[in-house]
C-alpha atoms as a PDB file:
ATOM      1  CA  MET A   1      33.644  54.030  99.271  1.00  0.00           C
ATOM      2  CA  PRO A   2      34.671  54.210 102.904  1.00  0.00           C
ATOM      3  CA  CYS A   3      38.272  53.859 103.873  1.00  0.00           C
ATOM      4  CA  SER A   4      39.466  50.895 105.859  1.00  0.00           C
ATOM      5  CA  PRO A   5      41.217  51.851 109.045  1.00  0.00           C
ATOM      6  CA  LEU A   6      44.412  50.084 107.572  1.00  0.00           C
ATOM      7  CA  GLY A   7      44.214  52.025 104.391  1.00  0.00           C
ATOM      8  CA  ASN A   8      43.541  55.198 106.160  1.00  0.00           C
ATOM      9  CA  GLU A   9      46.438  54.813 108.403  1.00  0.00           C
ATOM     10  CA  LYS A  10      48.857  54.110 105.534  1.00  0.00           C
ATOM     11  CA  SER A  11      47.623  57.198 103.614  1.00  0.00           C
ATOM     12  CA  LEU A  12      48.139  59.319 106.812  1.00  0.00           C
ATOM     13  CA  GLN A  13      51.626  57.784 107.221  1.00  0.00           C
ATOM     14  CA  LYS A  14      52.509  58.569 103.611  1.00  0.00           C
ATOM     15  CA  TRP A  15      51.207  62.064 103.876  1.00  0.00           C
ATOM     16  CA  LEU A  16      53.055  62.813 107.056  1.00  0.00           C
ATOM     17  CA  ASP A  17      56.273  61.184 105.670  1.00  0.00           C
ATOM     18  CA  ASP A  18      55.976  63.411 102.486  1.00  0.00           C
ATOM     19  CA  GLU A  19      55.439  66.527 104.579  1.00  0.00           C
ATOM     20  CA  LEU A  20      58.395  65.721 106.993  1.00  0.00           C
ATOM     21  CA  GLU A  21      60.671  65.039 104.036  1.00  0.00           C
ATOM     22  CA  VAL A  22      59.941  68.338 102.327  1.00  0.00           C
ATOM     23  CA  MET A  23      60.322  70.234 105.546  1.00  0.00           C
ATOM     24  CA  VAL A  24      63.613  68.627 106.509  1.00  0.00           C
ATOM     25  CA  ASN A  25      64.826  69.181 102.986  1.00  0.00           C
ATOM     26  CA  VAL A  26      63.935  73.000 103.056  1.00  0.00           C
ATOM     27  CA  ARG A  27      65.633  73.299 106.544  1.00  0.00           C
ATOM     28  CA  GLU A  28      68.818  71.459 105.266  1.00  0.00           C
ATOM     29  CA  GLY A  29      69.003  73.768 102.286  1.00  0.00           C
ATOM     30  CA  ARG A  30      68.649  76.866 104.208  1.00  0.00           C
ATOM     31  CA  PHE A  31      71.295  75.599 106.776  1.00  0.00           C
ATOM     32  CA  LYS A  32      73.754  74.750 103.931  1.00  0.00           C
ATOM     33  CA  TYR A  33      73.089  78.137 102.359  1.00  0.00           C
ATOM     34  CA  GLU A  34      73.848  80.000 105.540  1.00  0.00           C
ATOM     35  CA  LYS A  35      76.822  77.877 106.107  1.00  0.00           C
ATOM     36  CA  GLN A  36      78.184  78.549 102.678  1.00  0.00           C
ATOM     37  CA  LYS A  37      77.646  82.280 103.211  1.00  0.00           C
ATOM     38  CA  CYS A  38      79.669  82.141 106.437  1.00  0.00           C
ATOM     39  CA  LYS A  39      82.480  80.433 104.594  1.00  0.00           C
ATOM     40  CA  GLN A  40      82.286  82.953 101.886  1.00  0.00           C
ATOM     41  CA  THR A  41      82.460  85.764 104.349  1.00  0.00           C
ATOM     42  CA  ALA A  42      85.604  84.186 106.026  1.00  0.00           C
ATOM     43  CA  LEU A  43      87.285  83.762 102.427  1.00  0.00           C
ATOM     44  CA  ARG A  44      86.561  87.535 101.674  1.00  0.00           C
ATOM     45  CA  GLU A  45      88.148  88.545 104.961  1.00  0.00           C
ATOM     46  CA  GLU A  46      91.208  86.649 104.461  1.00  0.00           C
ATOM     47  CA  LEU A  47      91.564  87.691 100.821  1.00  0.00           C
ATOM     48  CA  ALA A  48      91.159  91.378 101.810  1.00  0.00           C
ATOM     49  CA  LEU A  49      93.691  91.058 104.619  1.00  0.00           C
ATOM     50  CA  LEU A  50      96.125  89.201 102.372  1.00  0.00           C
ATOM     51  CA  LYS A  51      95.765  91.904  99.645  1.00  0.00           C
ATOM     52  CA  GLN A  52      96.416  94.404 102.310  1.00  0.00           C
ATOM     53  CA  VAL A  53      99.548  92.894 103.620  1.00  0.00           C
ATOM     54  CA  ASP A  54     100.837  92.536 100.083  1.00  0.00           C
ATOM     55  CA  ARG A  55     100.201  96.247  99.271  1.00  0.00           C
ATOM     56  CA  LEU A  56     101.845  97.264 102.646  1.00  0.00           C
ATOM     57  CA  SER A  57     104.784  94.883 102.014  1.00  0.00           C
ATOM     58  CA  SER A  58     105.302  96.323  98.518  1.00  0.00           C
ATOM     59  CA  ASN A  59     105.616  99.754 100.177  1.00  0.00           C
ATOM     60  CA  SER A  60     107.755  98.331 102.862  1.00  0.00           C
ATOM     61  CA  ASP A  61     105.117  99.376 105.363  1.00  0.00           C
ATOM     62  CA  VAL A  62     104.426  96.134 107.007  1.00  0.00           C
ATOM     63  CA  PRO A  63     103.090  96.348 110.552  1.00  0.00           C
ATOM     64  CA  HIS A  64     105.127  94.392 113.262  1.00  0.00           C
ATOM     65  CA  LYS A  65     102.137  93.899 115.642  1.00  0.00           C
ATOM     66  CA  VAL A  66      99.074  92.159 114.414  1.00  0.00           C
ATOM     67  CA  ASN A  67      96.484  89.820 115.809  1.00  0.00           C
ATOM     68  CA  LYS A  68      97.706  86.310 116.668  1.00  0.00           C
ATOM     69  CA  GLY A  69      95.654  84.825 113.926  1.00  0.00           C
ATOM     70  CA  HIS A  70      97.037  87.097 111.302  1.00  0.00           C
ATOM     71  CA  SER A  71     100.967  86.736 112.257  1.00  0.00           C
ATOM     72  CA  ARG A  72     101.377  83.842 109.710  1.00  0.00           C
ATOM     73  CA  LEU A  73     100.198  86.174 106.897  1.00  0.00           C
ATOM     74  CA  LEU A  74     103.114  88.519 107.646  1.00  0.00           C
ATOM     75  CA  SER A  75     105.597  85.744 107.468  1.00  0.00           C
ATOM     76  CA  MET A  76     104.408  84.393 104.248  1.00  0.00           C
ATOM     77  CA  SER A  77     106.912  84.896 101.350  1.00  0.00           C
ATOM     78  CA  PRO A  78     105.636  87.236  98.573  1.00  0.00           C
ATOM     79  CA  ASN A  79     105.193  84.157  96.321  1.00  0.00           C
ATOM     80  CA  ALA A  80     103.339  82.075  98.774  1.00  0.00           C
ATOM     81  CA  ARG A  81     101.073  85.160  99.452  1.00  0.00           C
ATOM     82  CA  MET A  82     100.432  85.594  95.747  1.00  0.00           C
ATOM     83  CA  GLU A  83      99.405  81.887  95.549  1.00  0.00           C
ATOM     84  CA  ARG A  84      97.221  82.067  98.503  1.00  0.00           C
ATOM     85  CA  ILE A  85      95.555  85.164  96.972  1.00  0.00           C
ATOM     86  CA  ALA A  86      94.977  83.313  93.654  1.00  0.00           C
ATOM     87  CA  SER A  87      93.820  80.323  95.546  1.00  0.00           C
ATOM     88  CA  LEU A  88      91.351  82.314  97.662  1.00  0.00           C
ATOM     89  CA  GLU A  89      89.933  84.256  94.551  1.00  0.00           C
ATOM     90  CA  HIS A  90      89.276  80.908  93.054  1.00  0.00           C
ATOM     91  CA  MET A  91      87.604  79.450  96.149  1.00  0.00           C
ATOM     92  CA  LEU A  92      85.694  82.633  96.324  1.00  0.00           C
ATOM     93  CA  SER A  93      84.378  82.397  92.767  1.00  0.00           C
ATOM     94  CA  MET A  94      83.403  78.600  93.285  1.00  0.00           C
ATOM     95  CA  SER A  95      81.641  79.767  96.589  1.00  0.00           C
ATOM     96  CA  THR A  96      79.710  82.530  94.716  1.00  0.00           C
ATOM     97  CA  ASN A  97      78.638  79.795  92.166  1.00  0.00           C
ATOM     98  CA  ALA A  98      77.448  77.474  94.777  1.00  0.00           C
ATOM     99  CA  LEU A  99      75.576  80.137  96.508  1.00  0.00           C
ATOM    100  CA  THR A 100      73.796  81.379  93.229  1.00  0.00           C
ATOM    101  CA  ALA A 101      72.800  77.541  92.650  1.00  0.00           C
ATOM    102  CA  MET A 102      71.529  77.280  96.185  1.00  0.00           C
ATOM    103  CA  ALA A 103      69.640  80.424  96.109  1.00  0.00           C
ATOM    104  CA  SER A 104      67.903  79.303  92.935  1.00  0.00           C
ATOM    105  CA  GLN A 105      66.886  76.104  94.469  1.00  0.00           C
ATOM    106  CA  LEU A 106      65.620  77.414  97.741  1.00  0.00           C
ATOM    107  CA  PRO A 107      62.519  79.215  96.386  1.00  0.00           C
ATOM    108  CA  GLU A 108      61.549  76.087  94.552  1.00  0.00           C
ATOM    109  CA  ALA A 109      61.882  73.914  97.697  1.00  0.00           C
ATOM    110  CA  GLU A 110      59.951  76.565  99.664  1.00  0.00           C
ATOM    111  CA  GLU A 111      57.153  76.520  97.171  1.00  0.00           C
ATOM    112  CA  ARG A 112      57.005  72.805  97.494  1.00  0.00           C
ATOM    113  CA  GLU A 113      56.918  73.141 101.272  1.00  0.00           C
ATOM    114  CA  CYS A 114      54.045  75.708 100.993  1.00  0.00           C
ATOM    115  CA  GLY A 115      52.179  73.408  98.730  1.00  0.00           C
ATOM    116  CA  LEU A 116      52.313  70.496 101.223  1.00  0.00           C
ATOM    117  CA  VAL A 117      52.076  72.240 104.448  1.00  0.00           C
ATOM    118  CA  VAL A 118      49.229  74.716 105.037  1.00  0.00           C
ATOM    119  CA  HIS A 119      50.813  77.419 107.229  1.00  0.00           C
ATOM    120  CA  GLY A 120      49.203  77.784 110.468  1.00  0.00           C
ATOM    121  CA  ARG A 121      47.957  74.295 110.453  1.00  0.00           C
ATOM    122  CA  TRP A 122      50.469  72.965 112.866  1.00  0.00           C
ATOM    123  CA  ASP A 123      50.494  76.251 114.882  1.00  0.00           C
ATOM    124  CA  GLN A 124      47.197  75.080 116.473  1.00  0.00           C
ATOM    125  CA  VAL A 125      48.316  71.686 117.474  1.00  0.00           C
ATOM    126  CA  ARG A 126      48.640  71.440 121.292  1.00  0.00           C
ATOM    127  CA  SER A 127      47.963  67.894 122.062  1.00  0.00           C
ATOM    128  CA  ILE A 128      47.866  64.351 120.580  1.00  0.00           C
ATOM    129  CA  ASN A 129      44.008  64.728 119.897  1.00  0.00           C
ATOM    130  CA  ASP A 130      44.654  68.085 118.058  1.00  0.00           C
ATOM    131  CA  MET A 131      47.330  66.421 116.025  1.00  0.00           C
ATOM    132  CA  GLN A 132      45.107  63.337 115.153  1.00  0.00           C
ATOM    133  CA  ARG A 133      42.250  65.842 114.030  1.00  0.00           C
ATOM    134  CA  THR A 134      44.704  67.745 111.865  1.00  0.00           C
ATOM    135  CA  CYS A 135      46.077  64.720 110.225  1.00  0.00           C
ATOM    136  CA  PHE A 136      42.632  63.094 109.537  1.00  0.00           C
ATOM    137  CA  ARG A 137      41.359  66.372 107.990  1.00  0.00           C
ATOM    138  CA  ALA A 138      44.323  66.232 105.590  1.00  0.00           C
ATOM    139  CA  CYS A 139      43.795  62.836 104.427  1.00  0.00           C
END
């Protein structure tokens, strides 16, 4: 049974929408994962620095000159420092859980992406005519 032009156009639009949605979701997932990894790195660095300041202050070995960004750490009271350490450890634990969940979802999303998008198909598209031929072959 031949396809009507309108039916063919609708199926082409649906196929294209599906491919774009999957590709966007995978890209967003990767971006969120990388952003979370950066946040986790920053948390780890601050936690390590706070623990170092805490160790040094317990030995009365606190440095008097530090980077501008770290000067507030030296001015924290021991109680405030311990609270911040506990808070950072909790945030780090939550970040690790979030990264683990994201890491388990990414391969599944990438598998869906591979199922919809034949890799290399879009690499050959150089013009509107190429795009139309590629799209009509997919329908």
